[in-house]
């Protein structure tokens, strides 16, 4: 219903993304002591950093509301109230039910766990779409470090002497 309101960033695409992987053999080589407790252990890490992903705030609005002569909006009918279609296009427009972003208001609060400022948004007037465009807001950036510790265990001194092996593995995910 409003092509301009639907343009924006892809909801699954961070603008910036960085990944680096490292593998370090803690103790390796035939010249080392074969009985050393670190022999065969391998430490791996994966660091992922990305900027925030775009998201859209959605509203739940009744399809019909009732407005009195003073312009107050009510959810139920009464004498002196007029029924107004609240959501343009009716119940099939759930994807376009977004709030209005108040002019000059900063939508980001970043106060502890509260990321958005509710005072920066308003419910659109009955029968109108909200002005918040898709992808206009971005979530917080993300940094994730995953670690892995592995040890290959062979039935013999090496995998060439015996094809049977096991692996002990500990993974830590952030």
N, C-alpha and C. Protein backbone atom coordinates (compact mmCIF):
# COMPACT_ATOMS: atom_id res chain seq x y z
N UNK A 1 0.81 -1.20 0.00
CA UNK A 1 0.00 0.00 0.00
C UNK A 1 0.85 1.26 0.00
N UNK A 2 2.09 1.16 0.47
CA UNK A 2 2.99 2.30 0.49
C UNK A 2 4.37 1.80 0.12
N UNK A 3 4.71 1.89 -1.19
CA UNK A 3 5.97 1.34 -1.66
C UNK A 3 7.16 2.02 -1.02
N UNK A 4 7.10 3.31 -0.76
CA UNK A 4 8.21 4.03 -0.13
C UNK A 4 8.47 3.52 1.28
N UNK A 5 7.41 3.14 2.00
CA UNK A 5 7.55 2.66 3.36
C UNK A 5 8.20 1.30 3.45
N UNK A 6 8.25 0.56 2.34
CA UNK A 6 8.80 -0.79 2.37
C UNK A 6 10.25 -0.86 1.94
N UNK A 7 10.80 0.21 1.40
CA UNK A 7 12.21 0.18 1.01
C UNK A 7 13.09 0.24 2.24
N UNK A 8 14.16 -0.49 2.23
CA UNK A 8 15.07 -0.48 3.36
C UNK A 8 16.08 -1.60 3.25
N UNK A 9 16.83 -1.81 4.31
CA UNK A 9 17.88 -2.82 4.33
C UNK A 9 17.29 -4.21 4.54
N UNK A 10 17.97 -5.20 4.02
CA UNK A 10 17.59 -6.58 4.21
C UNK A 10 17.71 -6.93 5.70
N UNK A 11 16.71 -7.58 6.25
CA UNK A 11 16.67 -7.87 7.68
C UNK A 11 17.70 -8.91 8.12
N UNK A 12 18.34 -9.59 7.20
CA UNK A 12 19.33 -10.60 7.59
C UNK A 12 20.74 -10.19 7.21
N UNK A 13 20.94 -8.93 6.90
CA UNK A 13 22.25 -8.50 6.39
C UNK A 13 22.89 -7.45 7.30
N UNK A 14 23.93 -7.84 8.05
CA UNK A 14 24.68 -6.81 8.77
C UNK A 14 25.55 -6.04 7.79
N UNK A 15 25.70 -4.75 8.00
CA UNK A 15 26.50 -3.93 7.10
C UNK A 15 27.96 -4.34 7.13
N UNK A 16 28.48 -4.64 8.32
CA UNK A 16 29.88 -5.03 8.47
C UNK A 16 29.96 -6.37 9.18
N UNK A 17 30.85 -7.24 8.68
CA UNK A 17 31.02 -8.55 9.30
C UNK A 17 32.49 -8.95 9.19
N UNK A 18 33.04 -9.43 10.31
CA UNK A 18 34.45 -9.83 10.36
C UNK A 18 34.54 -11.17 11.08
N UNK A 19 35.28 -12.12 10.50
CA UNK A 19 35.49 -13.43 11.11
C UNK A 19 36.95 -13.81 10.98
N UNK A 20 37.48 -14.39 12.03
CA UNK A 20 38.85 -14.91 11.98
C UNK A 20 38.90 -16.21 12.79
N UNK A 21 39.58 -17.18 12.22
CA UNK A 21 39.73 -18.49 12.86
C UNK A 21 41.21 -18.76 13.08
N UNK A 22 41.53 -19.38 14.21
CA UNK A 22 42.91 -19.75 14.47
C UNK A 22 42.95 -21.16 15.05
N UNK A 23 44.03 -21.87 14.75
CA UNK A 23 44.26 -23.22 15.27
C UNK A 23 45.68 -23.25 15.78
N UNK A 24 45.85 -23.76 16.99
CA UNK A 24 47.18 -23.82 17.59
C UNK A 24 47.39 -25.21 18.18
N UNK A 25 48.42 -25.90 17.73
CA UNK A 25 48.79 -27.19 18.30
C UNK A 25 49.61 -26.93 19.56
N UNK A 26 49.11 -27.38 20.71
CA UNK A 26 49.78 -27.11 21.97
C UNK A 26 51.11 -27.85 22.09
N UNK A 27 51.14 -29.08 21.59
CA UNK A 27 52.37 -29.85 21.67
C UNK A 27 52.38 -30.81 20.50
N UNK A 28 53.38 -30.69 19.64
CA UNK A 28 53.35 -31.46 18.41
C UNK A 28 54.76 -31.86 18.01
N UNK A 29 54.88 -32.98 17.33
CA UNK A 29 56.15 -33.36 16.72
C UNK A 29 56.77 -34.58 17.35
N UNK A 30 57.46 -35.41 16.53
CA UNK A 30 58.09 -36.63 17.03
C UNK A 30 59.30 -36.35 17.91
N UNK A 31 59.89 -35.16 17.77
CA UNK A 31 61.07 -34.85 18.59
C UNK A 31 60.67 -34.54 20.03
N UNK A 32 59.40 -34.28 20.27
CA UNK A 32 58.93 -33.96 21.62
C UNK A 32 58.78 -35.25 22.42
N UNK A 33 58.67 -35.12 23.69
CA UNK A 33 58.49 -36.26 24.58
C UNK A 33 57.12 -36.89 24.31
N UNK A 34 57.09 -38.17 23.93
CA UNK A 34 55.83 -38.85 23.58
C UNK A 34 54.91 -39.02 24.78
N UNK A 35 55.42 -38.92 25.98
CA UNK A 35 54.60 -39.07 27.17
C UNK A 35 54.13 -37.73 27.74
N UNK A 36 54.44 -36.64 27.06
CA UNK A 36 54.06 -35.32 27.57
C UNK A 36 52.53 -35.19 27.57
N UNK A 37 51.91 -34.66 28.66
CA UNK A 37 50.44 -34.60 28.74
C UNK A 37 49.80 -33.68 27.70
N UNK A 38 50.52 -32.76 27.10
CA UNK A 38 49.94 -31.87 26.10
C UNK A 38 50.08 -32.41 24.68
N UNK A 39 50.73 -33.55 24.51
CA UNK A 39 50.93 -34.12 23.19
C UNK A 39 49.58 -34.41 22.52
N UNK A 40 49.38 -33.88 21.33
CA UNK A 40 48.16 -34.15 20.57
C UNK A 40 47.01 -33.19 20.83
N UNK A 41 47.15 -32.27 21.78
CA UNK A 41 46.06 -31.33 22.06
C UNK A 41 46.10 -30.18 21.06
N UNK A 42 44.92 -29.74 20.63
CA UNK A 42 44.80 -28.65 19.66
C UNK A 42 43.75 -27.65 20.17
N UNK A 43 44.13 -26.37 20.18
CA UNK A 43 43.23 -25.30 20.61
C UNK A 43 42.80 -24.51 19.38
N UNK A 44 41.49 -24.35 19.20
CA UNK A 44 40.94 -23.60 18.06
C UNK A 44 40.07 -22.47 18.58
N UNK A 45 40.03 -21.39 17.83
CA UNK A 45 39.15 -20.28 18.20
C UNK A 45 38.51 -19.70 16.95
N UNK A 46 37.33 -19.13 17.14
CA UNK A 46 36.61 -18.44 16.07
C UNK A 46 36.08 -17.15 16.66
N UNK A 47 36.48 -16.03 16.10
CA UNK A 47 36.02 -14.72 16.53
C UNK A 47 35.14 -14.15 15.44
N UNK A 48 33.90 -13.78 15.80
CA UNK A 48 32.97 -13.18 14.85
C UNK A 48 32.51 -11.83 15.41
N UNK A 49 32.64 -10.79 14.60
CA UNK A 49 32.19 -9.45 14.98
C UNK A 49 31.34 -8.92 13.83
N UNK A 50 30.16 -8.40 14.15
CA UNK A 50 29.31 -7.84 13.09
C UNK A 50 28.54 -6.64 13.62
N UNK A 51 28.20 -5.77 12.70
CA UNK A 51 27.37 -4.62 13.06
C UNK A 51 25.94 -5.10 13.25
N UNK A 52 25.10 -4.23 13.76
CA UNK A 52 23.72 -4.61 14.06
C UNK A 52 22.91 -4.95 12.82
N UNK A 53 21.98 -5.87 12.99
CA UNK A 53 21.09 -6.29 11.91
C UNK A 53 19.84 -5.41 11.93
N UNK A 54 19.35 -4.98 10.76
CA UNK A 54 18.13 -4.17 10.72
C UNK A 54 16.94 -4.95 11.28
N UNK A 55 16.04 -4.25 11.93
CA UNK A 55 14.82 -4.88 12.42
C UNK A 55 13.65 -3.90 12.29
N UNK A 56 12.46 -4.44 12.39
CA UNK A 56 11.25 -3.63 12.26
C UNK A 56 10.40 -3.82 13.50
N UNK A 57 9.88 -2.72 14.03
CA UNK A 57 8.94 -2.79 15.15
C UNK A 57 7.55 -2.95 14.57
N UNK A 58 6.82 -3.93 15.05
CA UNK A 58 5.45 -4.19 14.57
C UNK A 58 4.45 -3.87 15.69
N UNK A 59 3.29 -3.42 15.26
CA UNK A 59 2.20 -3.11 16.20
C UNK A 59 1.08 -4.13 16.05
N UNK A 60 0.37 -4.34 17.13
CA UNK A 60 -0.87 -5.09 17.07
C UNK A 60 -1.99 -4.05 17.20
N UNK A 61 -2.76 -3.89 16.15
CA UNK A 61 -3.84 -2.88 16.14
C UNK A 61 -5.15 -3.56 15.77
N UNK A 62 -6.24 -3.16 16.42
CA UNK A 62 -7.54 -3.70 15.99
C UNK A 62 -7.88 -3.14 14.61
N UNK A 63 -8.62 -3.93 13.83
CA UNK A 63 -8.99 -3.48 12.49
C UNK A 63 -9.96 -2.30 12.51
N UNK A 64 -10.79 -2.22 13.55
CA UNK A 64 -11.77 -1.14 13.66
C UNK A 64 -11.66 -0.51 15.04
N UNK A 65 -11.68 0.83 15.08
CA UNK A 65 -11.74 1.58 16.34
C UNK A 65 -12.89 2.58 16.25
N UNK A 66 -13.20 3.20 17.38
CA UNK A 66 -14.33 4.13 17.44
C UNK A 66 -13.82 5.48 17.94
N UNK A 67 -14.16 6.52 17.19
CA UNK A 67 -13.68 7.86 17.48
C UNK A 67 -14.87 8.75 17.86
N UNK A 68 -14.72 9.53 18.97
CA UNK A 68 -15.78 10.45 19.36
C UNK A 68 -15.55 11.83 18.73
N UNK A 69 -16.44 12.77 19.01
CA UNK A 69 -16.37 14.11 18.41
C UNK A 69 -15.10 14.85 18.81
N UNK A 70 -14.52 14.54 19.98
CA UNK A 70 -13.31 15.21 20.44
C UNK A 70 -12.04 14.59 19.84
N UNK A 71 -12.19 13.49 19.09
CA UNK A 71 -11.05 12.84 18.47
C UNK A 71 -10.42 11.74 19.32
N UNK A 72 -11.03 11.44 20.47
CA UNK A 72 -10.51 10.35 21.30
C UNK A 72 -10.85 9.02 20.66
N UNK A 73 -9.92 8.07 20.77
CA UNK A 73 -10.07 6.76 20.15
C UNK A 73 -10.44 5.74 21.22
N UNK A 74 -11.44 4.90 20.90
CA UNK A 74 -11.92 3.87 21.82
C UNK A 74 -11.96 2.53 21.11
N UNK A 75 -11.91 1.46 21.88
CA UNK A 75 -11.94 0.12 21.29
C UNK A 75 -13.36 -0.41 21.12
N UNK A 76 -14.34 0.19 21.80
CA UNK A 76 -15.70 -0.31 21.70
C UNK A 76 -16.69 0.77 21.25
N UNK A 77 -17.82 0.35 20.68
CA UNK A 77 -18.83 1.31 20.22
C UNK A 77 -19.60 1.91 21.39
N UNK A 78 -20.12 3.11 21.17
CA UNK A 78 -20.99 3.79 22.13
C UNK A 78 -21.67 4.93 21.40
N UNK A 79 -22.64 5.55 22.06
CA UNK A 79 -23.36 6.67 21.47
C UNK A 79 -22.39 7.83 21.24
N UNK A 80 -22.43 8.40 20.06
CA UNK A 80 -21.56 9.52 19.73
C UNK A 80 -20.21 9.12 19.17
N UNK A 81 -19.97 7.84 19.01
CA UNK A 81 -18.70 7.38 18.45
C UNK A 81 -18.92 6.86 17.03
N UNK A 82 -17.93 7.10 16.19
CA UNK A 82 -18.00 6.67 14.79
C UNK A 82 -16.97 5.58 14.56
N UNK A 83 -17.39 4.54 13.88
CA UNK A 83 -16.47 3.44 13.56
C UNK A 83 -15.51 3.89 12.46
N UNK A 84 -14.22 3.60 12.66
CA UNK A 84 -13.19 3.96 11.68
C UNK A 84 -12.34 2.71 11.43
N UNK A 85 -12.07 2.45 10.15
CA UNK A 85 -11.17 1.34 9.83
C UNK A 85 -9.78 1.77 10.26
N UNK A 86 -9.25 1.06 11.24
CA UNK A 86 -7.98 1.45 11.86
C UNK A 86 -6.77 1.07 11.03
N UNK A 87 -6.85 -0.05 10.33
CA UNK A 87 -5.69 -0.52 9.56
C UNK A 87 -6.03 -0.46 8.08
N UNK A 88 -5.41 0.43 7.32
CA UNK A 88 -5.69 0.49 5.88
C UNK A 88 -5.44 -0.87 5.24
N UNK A 89 -6.40 -1.33 4.48
CA UNK A 89 -6.28 -2.64 3.85
C UNK A 89 -6.87 -3.75 4.70
N UNK A 90 -7.30 -3.46 5.93
CA UNK A 90 -7.93 -4.46 6.78
C UNK A 90 -6.94 -5.38 7.44
N UNK A 91 -7.43 -6.58 7.80
CA UNK A 91 -6.64 -7.51 8.57
C UNK A 91 -5.48 -8.14 7.83
N UNK A 92 -5.39 -7.96 6.52
CA UNK A 92 -4.32 -8.56 5.74
C UNK A 92 -3.07 -7.69 5.69
N UNK A 93 -3.03 -6.61 6.45
CA UNK A 93 -1.91 -5.68 6.37
C UNK A 93 -1.03 -5.76 7.60
N UNK A 94 -0.88 -6.92 8.19
CA UNK A 94 -0.08 -7.07 9.41
C UNK A 94 1.36 -6.65 9.25
N UNK A 95 1.92 -6.82 8.05
CA UNK A 95 3.31 -6.46 7.82
C UNK A 95 3.53 -4.94 7.78
N UNK A 96 2.49 -4.18 7.55
CA UNK A 96 2.65 -2.72 7.46
C UNK A 96 2.23 -2.01 8.74
N UNK A 97 1.97 -2.73 9.78
CA UNK A 97 1.57 -2.12 11.05
C UNK A 97 2.80 -1.75 11.87
N UNK A 98 3.29 -0.56 11.61
CA UNK A 98 4.47 -0.05 12.29
C UNK A 98 4.11 1.27 12.97
N UNK A 99 4.87 1.68 14.00
CA UNK A 99 4.56 2.94 14.69
C UNK A 99 5.06 4.15 13.91
N UNK A 100 4.69 5.31 14.42
CA UNK A 100 5.25 6.57 13.94
C UNK A 100 6.50 6.85 14.75
N UNK A 101 7.56 7.27 14.09
CA UNK A 101 8.76 7.74 14.77
C UNK A 101 8.59 9.25 14.93
N UNK A 102 8.57 9.72 16.16
CA UNK A 102 8.33 11.14 16.42
C UNK A 102 9.49 11.98 15.87
N UNK A 103 9.17 13.12 15.26
CA UNK A 103 10.23 13.97 14.69
C UNK A 103 11.21 14.44 15.76
N UNK A 104 12.49 14.34 15.46
CA UNK A 104 13.54 14.80 16.36
C UNK A 104 13.84 13.87 17.52
N UNK A 105 13.11 12.78 17.65
CA UNK A 105 13.32 11.85 18.77
C UNK A 105 14.40 10.83 18.41
N UNK A 106 15.24 10.50 19.39
CA UNK A 106 16.26 9.47 19.20
C UNK A 106 15.65 8.14 19.64
N UNK A 107 15.49 7.19 18.73
CA UNK A 107 14.85 5.93 19.10
C UNK A 107 15.72 5.02 19.97
N UNK A 108 17.03 5.28 20.02
CA UNK A 108 17.94 4.42 20.78
C UNK A 108 18.14 4.96 22.18
N UNK A 109 17.91 4.11 23.17
CA UNK A 109 18.09 4.49 24.56
C UNK A 109 19.41 3.95 25.10
N UNK A 110 19.71 2.68 24.79
CA UNK A 110 20.94 2.01 25.22
C UNK A 110 21.20 2.18 26.71
N UNK A 111 20.20 1.82 27.48
CA UNK A 111 20.29 1.92 28.94
C UNK A 111 20.22 0.50 29.49
N UNK A 112 21.36 -0.11 29.70
CA UNK A 112 21.38 -1.49 30.20
C UNK A 112 20.78 -2.43 29.16
N UNK A 113 19.77 -3.19 29.55
CA UNK A 113 19.12 -4.12 28.64
C UNK A 113 18.05 -3.45 27.79
N UNK A 114 17.66 -2.23 28.14
CA UNK A 114 16.64 -1.52 27.37
C UNK A 114 17.34 -0.79 26.21
N UNK A 115 17.08 -1.25 25.00
CA UNK A 115 17.79 -0.75 23.83
C UNK A 115 17.07 0.41 23.15
N UNK A 116 15.72 0.37 23.13
CA UNK A 116 14.93 1.40 22.45
C UNK A 116 14.20 2.28 23.45
N UNK A 117 13.96 3.52 23.07
CA UNK A 117 13.22 4.47 23.89
C UNK A 117 11.76 4.46 23.46
N UNK A 118 10.85 3.92 24.28
CA UNK A 118 9.44 3.88 23.90
C UNK A 118 8.84 5.27 23.67
N UNK A 119 9.39 6.29 24.29
CA UNK A 119 8.87 7.65 24.13
C UNK A 119 9.14 8.22 22.74
N UNK A 120 9.99 7.58 21.95
CA UNK A 120 10.30 8.06 20.61
C UNK A 120 9.29 7.59 19.57
N UNK A 121 8.34 6.74 19.98
CA UNK A 121 7.37 6.17 19.05
C UNK A 121 5.94 6.53 19.47
N UNK A 122 5.05 6.55 18.47
CA UNK A 122 3.63 6.83 18.74
C UNK A 122 2.78 5.91 17.87
N UNK A 123 1.57 5.64 18.35
CA UNK A 123 0.61 4.86 17.58
C UNK A 123 0.09 5.76 16.46
N UNK A 124 0.08 5.29 15.22
CA UNK A 124 -0.44 6.12 14.12
C UNK A 124 -1.93 6.43 14.32
N UNK A 125 -2.36 7.53 13.74
CA UNK A 125 -3.78 7.91 13.80
C UNK A 125 -4.61 6.81 13.14
N UNK A 126 -5.85 6.61 13.59
CA UNK A 126 -6.70 5.58 12.98
C UNK A 126 -6.79 5.77 11.47
N UNK A 127 -6.67 4.67 10.76
CA UNK A 127 -6.77 4.70 9.31
C UNK A 127 -5.51 5.08 8.58
N UNK A 128 -4.38 5.24 9.30
CA UNK A 128 -3.13 5.62 8.64
C UNK A 128 -2.03 4.61 8.93
N UNK A 129 -1.04 4.59 8.05
CA UNK A 129 0.14 3.77 8.26
C UNK A 129 1.12 4.52 9.13
N UNK A 130 1.99 3.80 9.83
CA UNK A 130 3.07 4.42 10.57
C UNK A 130 4.17 4.87 9.62
N UNK A 131 5.02 5.80 10.06
CA UNK A 131 6.05 6.34 9.18
C UNK A 131 7.42 5.68 9.34
N UNK A 132 7.53 4.68 10.22
CA UNK A 132 8.82 4.01 10.43
C UNK A 132 9.08 3.05 9.28
N UNK A 133 10.15 3.31 8.52
CA UNK A 133 10.45 2.48 7.36
C UNK A 133 11.19 1.22 7.76
N UNK A 134 11.03 0.19 6.95
CA UNK A 134 11.70 -1.08 7.18
C UNK A 134 13.21 -0.87 7.12
N UNK A 135 13.94 -1.40 8.10
CA UNK A 135 15.38 -1.30 8.12
C UNK A 135 15.92 0.01 8.65
N UNK A 136 15.04 0.91 9.10
CA UNK A 136 15.50 2.21 9.61
C UNK A 136 16.23 2.05 10.94
N UNK A 137 15.92 1.02 11.69
CA UNK A 137 16.55 0.78 12.98
C UNK A 137 17.46 -0.44 12.88
N UNK A 138 18.56 -0.40 13.62
CA UNK A 138 19.50 -1.52 13.65
C UNK A 138 19.72 -1.96 15.09
N UNK A 139 19.84 -3.26 15.25
CA UNK A 139 20.12 -3.81 16.57
C UNK A 139 21.56 -3.54 16.98
N UNK A 140 21.91 -3.93 18.18
CA UNK A 140 23.29 -3.70 18.65
C UNK A 140 24.28 -4.58 17.89
N UNK A 141 25.52 -4.15 17.86
CA UNK A 141 26.57 -4.96 17.24
C UNK A 141 26.85 -6.18 18.11
N UNK A 142 27.45 -7.19 17.50
CA UNK A 142 27.65 -8.47 18.18
C UNK A 142 29.11 -8.89 18.06
N UNK A 143 29.67 -9.35 19.15
CA UNK A 143 31.01 -9.95 19.15
C UNK A 143 30.89 -11.31 19.82
N UNK A 144 31.40 -12.33 19.16
CA UNK A 144 31.26 -13.69 19.67
C UNK A 144 32.60 -14.41 19.54
N UNK A 145 33.02 -15.06 20.62
CA UNK A 145 34.25 -15.84 20.61
C UNK A 145 33.92 -17.27 20.99
N UNK A 146 34.24 -18.20 20.11
CA UNK A 146 34.03 -19.63 20.37
C UNK A 146 35.39 -20.30 20.49
N UNK A 147 35.52 -21.21 21.44
CA UNK A 147 36.78 -21.93 21.67
C UNK A 147 36.54 -23.43 21.58
N UNK A 148 37.56 -24.15 21.17
CA UNK A 148 37.47 -25.59 21.07
C UNK A 148 38.81 -26.18 21.48
N UNK A 149 38.76 -27.23 22.28
CA UNK A 149 39.96 -27.95 22.70
C UNK A 149 39.76 -29.41 22.30
N UNK A 150 40.72 -29.95 21.53
CA UNK A 150 40.58 -31.32 21.01
C UNK A 150 41.85 -32.11 21.26
N UNK A 151 41.66 -33.43 21.43
CA UNK A 151 42.80 -34.36 21.55
C UNK A 151 42.44 -35.59 20.75
N UNK A 152 43.30 -35.93 19.80
CA UNK A 152 43.14 -37.15 19.04
C UNK A 152 43.81 -38.29 19.79
N UNK A 153 43.09 -39.38 19.95
CA UNK A 153 43.59 -40.56 20.65
C UNK A 153 43.64 -41.71 19.66
N UNK A 154 44.86 -42.31 19.48
CA UNK A 154 45.04 -43.40 18.53
C UNK A 154 45.34 -44.69 19.29
N UNK A 155 44.94 -45.80 18.69
CA UNK A 155 45.27 -47.12 19.24
C UNK A 155 46.62 -47.52 18.66
N UNK A 156 47.66 -46.97 19.18
CA UNK A 156 49.01 -47.13 18.66
C UNK A 156 49.71 -45.79 18.77
N UNK A 157 50.88 -45.67 18.21
CA UNK A 157 51.62 -44.42 18.35
C UNK A 157 51.20 -43.37 17.34
N UNK A 158 50.61 -43.77 16.21
CA UNK A 158 50.19 -42.79 15.22
C UNK A 158 49.02 -43.36 14.43
N UNK A 159 48.36 -42.50 13.70
CA UNK A 159 47.22 -42.95 12.92
C UNK A 159 47.65 -43.80 11.73
N UNK A 160 48.93 -43.69 11.30
CA UNK A 160 49.41 -44.52 10.21
C UNK A 160 49.56 -45.98 10.64
N UNK A 161 49.91 -46.22 11.90
CA UNK A 161 50.09 -47.59 12.41
C UNK A 161 48.75 -48.28 12.64
N UNK A 162 47.73 -47.53 13.01
CA UNK A 162 46.43 -48.12 13.31
C UNK A 162 45.35 -47.14 12.86
N UNK A 163 44.43 -47.57 12.00
CA UNK A 163 43.42 -46.64 11.48
C UNK A 163 42.30 -46.29 12.48
N UNK A 164 42.28 -46.93 13.64
CA UNK A 164 41.22 -46.65 14.61
C UNK A 164 41.65 -45.51 15.52
N UNK A 165 40.76 -44.57 15.70
CA UNK A 165 41.07 -43.43 16.56
C UNK A 165 39.80 -42.90 17.22
N UNK A 166 40.01 -42.10 18.23
CA UNK A 166 38.91 -41.40 18.92
C UNK A 166 39.35 -39.95 19.07
N UNK A 167 38.38 -39.12 19.36
CA UNK A 167 38.70 -37.72 19.60
C UNK A 167 37.96 -37.24 20.83
N UNK A 168 38.71 -36.65 21.75
CA UNK A 168 38.13 -36.02 22.92
C UNK A 168 38.00 -34.53 22.57
N UNK A 169 36.84 -33.96 22.81
CA UNK A 169 36.60 -32.59 22.36
C UNK A 169 35.77 -31.81 23.39
N UNK A 170 36.19 -30.59 23.64
CA UNK A 170 35.44 -29.67 24.50
C UNK A 170 35.22 -28.40 23.68
N UNK A 171 33.96 -27.99 23.54
CA UNK A 171 33.61 -26.77 22.81
C UNK A 171 32.98 -25.78 23.77
N UNK A 172 33.38 -24.54 23.66
CA UNK A 172 32.81 -23.46 24.48
C UNK A 172 32.28 -22.41 23.51
N UNK A 173 30.96 -22.19 23.55
CA UNK A 173 30.33 -21.23 22.65
C UNK A 173 29.83 -20.03 23.44
N UNK A 174 30.14 -18.86 22.94
CA UNK A 174 29.65 -17.62 23.55
C UNK A 174 28.32 -17.30 22.92
